[in-house]
Amino acid sequence: MNRNLAKIVISLIAAGCLIVSSVQARQAGVKVACLISDSLKSTTRTLQGAQKVIRRNNPDVRFHTFCVSNTETGDLAIVDSVNHIAPILILTVGSSATRFAADHFKETPIVFSAVKYPVLSGFVSSTGHPGGNITGASLNIPDDVQFKYFKRIIPKLRTLGVLYTRNTEALIPQARVIAQRLGLDLVPIMVNENKELPAALDSLAATVDGIWSVADPNLFNSKSTRYIITNTLRRQIPFMGFSRNVVESGALFSLDFDYKAIGFQAGETAVRIINGEKPGDISVTTTDLIWFHFNEKTAHHINVKVPDELVSIAKEVYR
């Protein structure tokens, strides 16, 4: 009897401790460190979207925002500040901020947003099973979606070219398989140096019906992008840009993102982690809201008629 009573007392004490801990946690509020690397509109919209979702589920949350400076002194100060506030998780926007978080915070859960190619960047092992302490919302638009849009605009599309560097080489094999499933022959050409670009573009121009692009910073600097656009226009080759900025510069079309929706996805992932799930067990999400952009002037110049159903839903038409 005494032994049973002791068990009951211990249980009550334990329950009381849990209640006290819960109350203290609510009083302390949830702390989230937000790391960004710029103040672009897309970054702001992404961050606002994520914070809105987290705040809706945790009204007492406190956000501490830091801008990664890429200077040794400034970055060390950020590390110290983040460690001092001891956040329940770190929310990042963009690849630079995510790289910084991944390099300096190995134990704290990290939720990235607006990151292109998270597997290729080494942030996660795979999108389905990230592993480690990182997961989040990527900017990847599946290749099959991109190719299907291209075929809607160019119905006779059979061969599709793409330029790439060692930086994006790993993306090509899967893209070729997906293209083949859709009845397309993907023709990839590696460009190791800028001086190889003219010959590579000449080779594609002689064999393909259109050119697809991957977001490769080693290839698409301002000079090379201008060269590709100028020469695809001159040769009347449909060129799909990897962002609306490339379309504004003269590419035929691109698919882009609602950055606030990307933030919503990251916020939902963050809420799951705050509620106890492990980052490594939560799949990386991909954008579920895609915007279509096209350049009307380019379409006229290369004699391409963009379908009316796409014109009607275009987020932006550049003229």
Protein backbone atom coordinates (compact mmCIF):
# COMPACT_ATOMS: atom_id res chain seq x y z
CA MET A 1 0.00 0.00 0.00
CA ASN A 2 2.79 2.41 0.96
CA ARG A 3 4.66 1.42 -2.15
CA ASN A 4 1.63 2.18 -4.34
CA LEU A 5 1.11 5.48 -2.57
CA ALA A 6 4.74 6.37 -3.23
CA LYS A 7 4.28 5.63 -6.92
CA ILE A 8 1.22 7.88 -7.03
CA VAL A 9 3.10 10.70 -5.30
CA ILE A 10 6.02 10.36 -7.71
CA SER A 11 3.64 10.42 -10.68
CA LEU A 12 1.95 13.54 -9.37
CA ILE A 13 5.28 15.24 -8.84
CA ALA A 14 6.40 14.31 -12.36
CA ALA A 15 3.13 15.61 -13.81
CA GLY A 16 3.54 18.81 -11.82
CA CYS A 17 7.04 19.25 -13.20
CA LEU A 18 5.75 18.81 -16.74
CA ILE A 19 3.05 21.42 -16.15
CA VAL A 20 5.56 23.87 -14.70
CA SER A 21 7.93 23.25 -17.60
CA SER A 22 5.13 23.80 -20.09
CA VAL A 23 4.10 27.05 -18.43
CA GLN A 24 7.70 28.23 -18.30
CA ALA A 25 8.13 27.39 -22.01
CA ARG A 26 5.04 29.41 -22.90
CA GLN A 27 6.22 32.30 -20.78
CA ALA A 28 9.67 32.20 -22.36
CA GLY A 29 8.19 32.03 -25.86
CA VAL A 30 9.58 30.23 -28.87
CA LYS A 31 12.78 31.75 -30.24
CA VAL A 32 13.58 31.45 -33.93
CA ALA A 33 16.77 32.81 -35.49
CA CYS A 34 16.27 34.04 -39.08
CA LEU A 35 19.33 34.25 -41.34
CA ILE A 36 19.23 36.17 -44.62
CA SER A 37 21.95 37.46 -46.94
CA ASP A 38 20.19 40.34 -48.71
CA SER A 39 17.13 42.59 -48.56
CA LEU A 40 15.65 41.74 -51.96
CA LYS A 41 11.88 41.75 -52.33
CA SER A 42 11.89 37.99 -52.91
CA THR A 43 13.83 37.45 -49.67
CA THR A 44 11.47 39.69 -47.71
CA ARG A 45 8.37 37.96 -49.09
CA THR A 46 9.79 34.52 -48.31
CA LEU A 47 10.69 35.48 -44.75
CA GLN A 48 7.32 37.13 -44.13
CA GLY A 49 5.49 34.05 -45.40
CA ALA A 50 7.41 31.71 -43.10
CA GLN A 51 7.06 33.97 -40.08
CA LYS A 52 3.31 34.32 -40.62
CA VAL A 53 2.77 30.56 -40.51
CA ILE A 54 5.00 30.09 -37.47
CA ARG A 55 3.35 32.98 -35.61
CA ARG A 56 -0.12 31.63 -36.38
CA ASN A 57 0.76 28.40 -34.60
CA ASN A 58 2.96 29.98 -31.91
CA PRO A 59 1.62 33.47 -31.06
CA ASP A 60 4.39 34.13 -28.54
CA VAL A 61 7.22 33.38 -30.96
CA ARG A 62 10.13 35.78 -31.01
CA PHE A 63 12.08 36.20 -34.25
CA HIS A 64 15.70 37.35 -34.23
CA THR A 65 16.86 38.29 -37.74
CA PHE A 66 20.51 38.42 -38.80
CA CYS A 67 22.00 39.37 -42.17
CA VAL A 68 25.01 37.26 -43.10
CA SER A 69 27.71 39.74 -44.03
CA ASN A 70 30.35 37.46 -45.57
CA THR A 71 32.99 39.14 -43.44
CA GLU A 72 34.85 37.09 -40.86
CA THR A 73 34.28 39.51 -37.99
CA GLY A 74 30.62 40.03 -38.78
CA ASP A 75 29.93 36.32 -39.25
CA LEU A 76 31.59 35.38 -35.96
CA ALA A 77 29.43 37.97 -34.22
CA ILE A 78 26.31 36.37 -35.75
CA VAL A 79 27.37 32.92 -34.56
CA ASP A 80 27.86 34.25 -31.03
CA SER A 81 24.52 36.07 -31.09
CA VAL A 82 22.59 33.05 -32.34
CA ASN A 83 24.21 30.80 -29.75
CA HIS A 84 23.37 33.34 -27.06
CA ILE A 85 19.64 33.37 -27.78
CA ALA A 86 19.58 29.55 -28.10
CA PRO A 87 16.78 29.36 -30.70
CA ILE A 88 14.57 26.32 -31.06
CA LEU A 89 15.42 26.40 -34.78
CA ILE A 90 17.14 28.48 -37.44
CA LEU A 91 15.20 29.68 -40.48
CA THR A 92 17.27 30.62 -43.54
CA VAL A 93 16.42 32.33 -46.82
CA GLY A 94 18.63 31.60 -49.82
CA SER A 95 21.68 29.43 -50.43
CA SER A 96 24.28 31.77 -48.91
CA ALA A 97 22.48 32.03 -45.58
CA THR A 98 21.81 28.28 -45.60
CA ARG A 99 25.47 27.51 -46.24
CA PHE A 100 26.42 29.76 -43.34
CA ALA A 101 23.94 28.02 -41.03
CA ALA A 102 25.01 24.54 -42.14
CA ASP A 103 28.68 25.36 -41.53
CA HIS A 104 28.23 26.89 -38.07
CA PHE A 105 25.25 25.19 -36.43
CA LYS A 106 25.48 21.42 -36.45
CA GLU A 107 23.02 20.66 -33.66
CA THR A 108 20.25 23.25 -34.00
CA PRO A 109 17.46 22.33 -36.45
CA ILE A 110 17.69 24.36 -39.67
CA VAL A 111 14.80 25.05 -42.04
CA PHE A 112 15.89 26.57 -45.34
CA SER A 113 13.75 28.37 -47.87
CA ALA A 114 14.26 29.65 -51.43
CA VAL A 115 17.20 27.30 -52.05
CA LYS A 116 17.95 25.97 -55.52
CA TYR A 117 19.25 22.39 -55.82
CA PRO A 118 19.55 21.54 -52.08
CA VAL A 119 20.94 18.06 -52.79
CA LEU A 120 23.51 19.32 -55.30
CA SER A 121 24.50 22.03 -52.80
CA GLY A 122 25.16 19.36 -50.19
CA PHE A 123 22.57 20.62 -47.70
CA VAL A 124 20.59 17.36 -47.63
CA SER A 125 21.24 13.74 -48.58
CA SER A 126 18.05 13.54 -50.63
CA THR A 127 14.81 15.46 -50.87
CA GLY A 128 12.79 12.52 -49.58
CA HIS A 129 15.10 11.70 -46.66
CA PRO A 130 17.18 14.79 -45.83
CA GLY A 131 18.93 13.32 -42.79
CA GLY A 132 20.91 15.41 -40.33
CA ASN A 133 19.56 18.65 -38.89
CA ILE A 134 18.44 20.37 -42.13
CA THR A 135 15.34 20.36 -44.30
CA GLY A 136 13.18 23.02 -45.91
CA ALA A 137 11.49 24.42 -49.01
CA SER A 138 13.40 24.38 -52.28
CA LEU A 139 12.99 26.43 -55.44
CA ASN A 140 13.16 23.41 -57.70
CA ILE A 141 10.52 23.19 -60.40
CA PRO A 142 10.46 19.54 -61.55
CA ASP A 143 12.06 18.97 -64.95
CA ASP A 144 8.94 17.30 -66.33
CA VAL A 145 6.87 20.41 -65.54
CA GLN A 146 9.40 22.62 -67.33
CA PHE A 147 9.56 20.36 -70.39
CA LYS A 148 5.76 20.13 -70.61
CA TYR A 149 5.48 23.92 -70.67
CA PHE A 150 8.12 24.04 -73.40
CA LYS A 151 6.14 21.51 -75.47
CA ARG A 152 2.94 23.54 -75.04
CA ILE A 153 4.69 26.57 -76.50
CA ILE A 154 6.64 24.67 -79.18
CA PRO A 155 4.38 21.71 -80.12
CA LYS A 156 6.91 20.35 -82.65
CA LEU A 157 9.69 20.31 -80.05
CA ARG A 158 11.74 17.12 -80.42
CA THR A 159 15.33 18.01 -79.50
CA LEU A 160 16.17 20.24 -76.56
CA GLY A 161 19.62 21.63 -75.87
CA VAL A 162 21.12 22.64 -72.54
CA LEU A 163 24.44 24.22 -71.55
CA TYR A 164 25.99 23.35 -68.21
CA THR A 165 29.24 23.35 -66.23
CA ARG A 166 30.73 20.97 -63.69
CA ASN A 167 28.68 22.86 -61.12
CA THR A 168 25.41 21.47 -62.53
CA GLU A 169 26.70 18.31 -64.21
CA ALA A 170 24.88 16.07 -61.74
CA LEU A 171 21.51 17.43 -62.90
CA ILE A 172 21.88 16.25 -66.49
CA PRO A 173 21.46 12.44 -66.31
CA GLN A 174 18.06 12.60 -64.60
CA ALA A 175 16.93 15.42 -66.91
CA ARG A 176 17.78 13.26 -69.94
CA VAL A 177 15.70 10.39 -68.60
CA ILE A 178 12.72 12.65 -67.91
CA ALA A 179 13.02 14.28 -71.33
CA GLN A 180 13.06 10.87 -73.00
CA ARG A 181 9.85 9.89 -71.21
CA LEU A 182 8.21 12.94 -72.76
CA GLY A 183 9.45 12.12 -76.24
CA LEU A 184 12.31 14.61 -76.16
CA ASP A 185 15.98 14.14 -76.91
CA LEU A 186 18.01 16.27 -74.50
CA VAL A 187 21.32 17.41 -76.00
CA PRO A 188 23.68 18.60 -73.23
CA ILE A 189 26.97 20.40 -73.82
CA MET A 190 29.43 21.18 -71.04
CA VAL A 191 31.08 24.59 -71.02
CA ASN A 192 34.27 24.62 -68.96
CA GLU A 193 35.38 28.15 -69.84
CA ASN A 194 33.66 31.23 -71.24
CA LYS A 195 35.70 30.98 -74.44
CA GLU A 196 33.98 27.64 -75.17
CA LEU A 197 30.53 29.22 -75.19
CA PRO A 198 30.39 30.35 -78.85
CA ALA A 199 31.28 26.88 -80.19
CA ALA A 200 28.87 25.20 -77.78
CA LEU A 201 26.03 27.48 -78.81
CA ASP A 202 26.86 26.96 -82.51
CA SER A 203 26.69 23.21 -81.99
CA LEU A 204 23.29 23.42 -80.32
CA ALA A 205 21.93 25.82 -82.91
CA ALA A 206 22.64 23.26 -85.63
CA THR A 207 20.83 20.39 -83.91
CA VAL A 208 18.09 21.47 -81.48
CA ASP A 209 14.56 22.90 -81.63
CA GLY A 210 14.92 24.84 -78.40
CA ILE A 211 17.32 25.53 -75.52
CA TRP A 212 16.53 24.89 -71.86
CA SER A 213 18.57 26.43 -69.04
CA VAL A 214 19.60 25.45 -65.54
CA ALA A 215 20.46 28.03 -62.89
CA ASP A 216 24.22 27.68 -63.11
CA PRO A 217 26.09 30.69 -61.64
CA ASN A 218 29.33 29.47 -63.21
CA LEU A 219 27.78 29.84 -66.66
CA PHE A 220 25.18 32.60 -66.47
CA ASN A 221 27.05 35.77 -65.65
CA SER A 222 25.82 39.02 -67.19
CA LYS A 223 28.13 38.79 -70.22
CA SER A 224 27.42 35.16 -71.12
CA THR A 225 23.69 35.55 -70.55
CA ARG A 226 23.62 38.50 -72.92
CA TYR A 227 25.61 36.50 -75.49
CA ILE A 228 23.22 33.52 -75.29
CA ILE A 229 20.12 35.69 -75.59
CA THR A 230 21.53 37.73 -78.49
CA ASN A 231 22.50 34.63 -80.45
CA THR A 232 19.33 32.61 -79.79
CA LEU A 233 17.34 35.61 -80.99
CA ARG A 234 19.50 35.96 -84.09
CA ARG A 235 19.11 32.28 -84.90
CA GLN A 236 15.40 32.30 -83.92
CA ILE A 237 15.84 29.51 -81.36
CA PRO A 238 13.32 29.42 -78.46
CA PHE A 239 15.27 29.87 -75.23
CA MET A 240 13.75 29.08 -71.84
CA GLY A 241 15.27 31.20 -69.07
CA PHE A 242 15.68 29.97 -65.51
CA SER A 243 14.13 33.13 -64.01
CA ARG A 244 11.90 36.05 -64.93
CA ASN A 245 14.97 38.31 -65.00
CA VAL A 246 16.35 36.33 -67.94
CA VAL A 247 12.99 36.67 -69.70
CA GLU A 248 13.03 40.40 -69.15
CA SER A 249 16.45 40.41 -70.84
CA GLY A 250 15.11 38.58 -73.90
CA ALA A 251 14.56 34.86 -73.22
CA LEU A 252 11.25 33.57 -74.57
CA PHE A 253 9.74 32.40 -71.28
CA SER A 254 10.40 31.08 -67.80
CA LEU A 255 8.63 29.53 -64.85
CA ASP A 256 9.04 31.33 -61.58
CA PHE A 257 7.85 31.17 -58.01
CA ASP A 258 5.54 32.84 -55.55
CA TYR A 259 8.16 33.51 -52.89
CA LYS A 260 5.61 34.05 -50.17
CA ALA A 261 4.23 30.57 -50.92
CA ILE A 262 7.78 29.20 -50.56
CA GLY A 263 7.86 30.92 -47.17
CA PHE A 264 4.55 29.32 -46.21
CA GLN A 265 6.00 25.89 -46.97
CA ALA A 266 9.10 26.60 -44.87
CA GLY A 267 6.90 27.90 -42.07
CA GLU A 268 4.81 24.73 -42.06
CA THR A 269 7.98 22.64 -41.86
CA ALA A 270 9.24 24.82 -39.00
CA VAL A 271 5.99 24.30 -37.09
CA ARG A 272 6.39 20.52 -37.39
CA ILE A 273 9.90 20.77 -35.93
CA ILE A 274 8.74 23.05 -33.12
CA ASN A 275 6.10 20.42 -32.35
CA GLY A 276 8.75 17.74 -31.98
CA GLU A 277 9.53 16.22 -35.38
CA LYS A 278 13.13 15.79 -36.54
CA PRO A 279 14.33 17.78 -39.58
CA GLY A 280 15.98 14.74 -41.11
CA ASP A 281 12.64 12.93 -41.21
CA ILE A 282 10.74 15.72 -43.02
CA SER A 283 10.90 15.73 -46.83
CA VAL A 284 12.12 18.82 -48.64
CA THR A 285 9.16 20.53 -50.30
CA THR A 286 9.03 21.91 -53.82
CA THR A 287 7.01 24.88 -54.98
CA ASP A 288 3.33 24.19 -55.58
CA LEU A 289 2.53 27.61 -57.07
CA ILE A 290 4.25 28.39 -60.37
CA TRP A 291 4.13 31.65 -62.30
CA PHE A 292 4.49 31.85 -66.07
CA HIS A 293 6.44 34.76 -67.61
CA PHE A 294 7.07 35.38 -71.28
CA ASN A 295 8.59 38.00 -73.55
CA GLU A 296 6.09 39.10 -76.19
CA LYS A 297 8.71 40.96 -78.23
CA THR A 298 10.91 37.86 -78.38
CA ALA A 299 7.95 35.68 -79.38
CA HIS A 300 7.19 37.98 -82.32
CA HIS A 301 10.84 38.13 -83.33
CA ILE A 302 11.27 34.34 -83.52
CA ASN A 303 7.76 33.74 -84.92
CA VAL A 304 6.40 31.82 -81.94
CA LYS A 305 2.73 31.99 -80.99
CA VAL A 306 2.34 31.56 -77.22
CA PRO A 307 -0.94 29.70 -76.59
CA ASP A 308 -3.81 31.91 -75.47
CA GLU A 309 -4.38 29.82 -72.33
CA LEU A 310 -0.82 30.60 -71.22
CA VAL A 311 -1.07 34.27 -72.16
CA SER A 312 -4.20 34.55 -70.02
CA ILE A 313 -2.46 33.21 -66.90
CA ALA A 314 0.90 34.93 -67.42
CA LYS A 315 2.11 36.64 -64.28
CA GLU A 316 4.25 39.03 -66.30
CA VAL A 317 4.41 39.82 -70.00
CA TYR A 318 7.51 41.68 -71.14
CA ARG A 319 7.12 43.84 -74.22
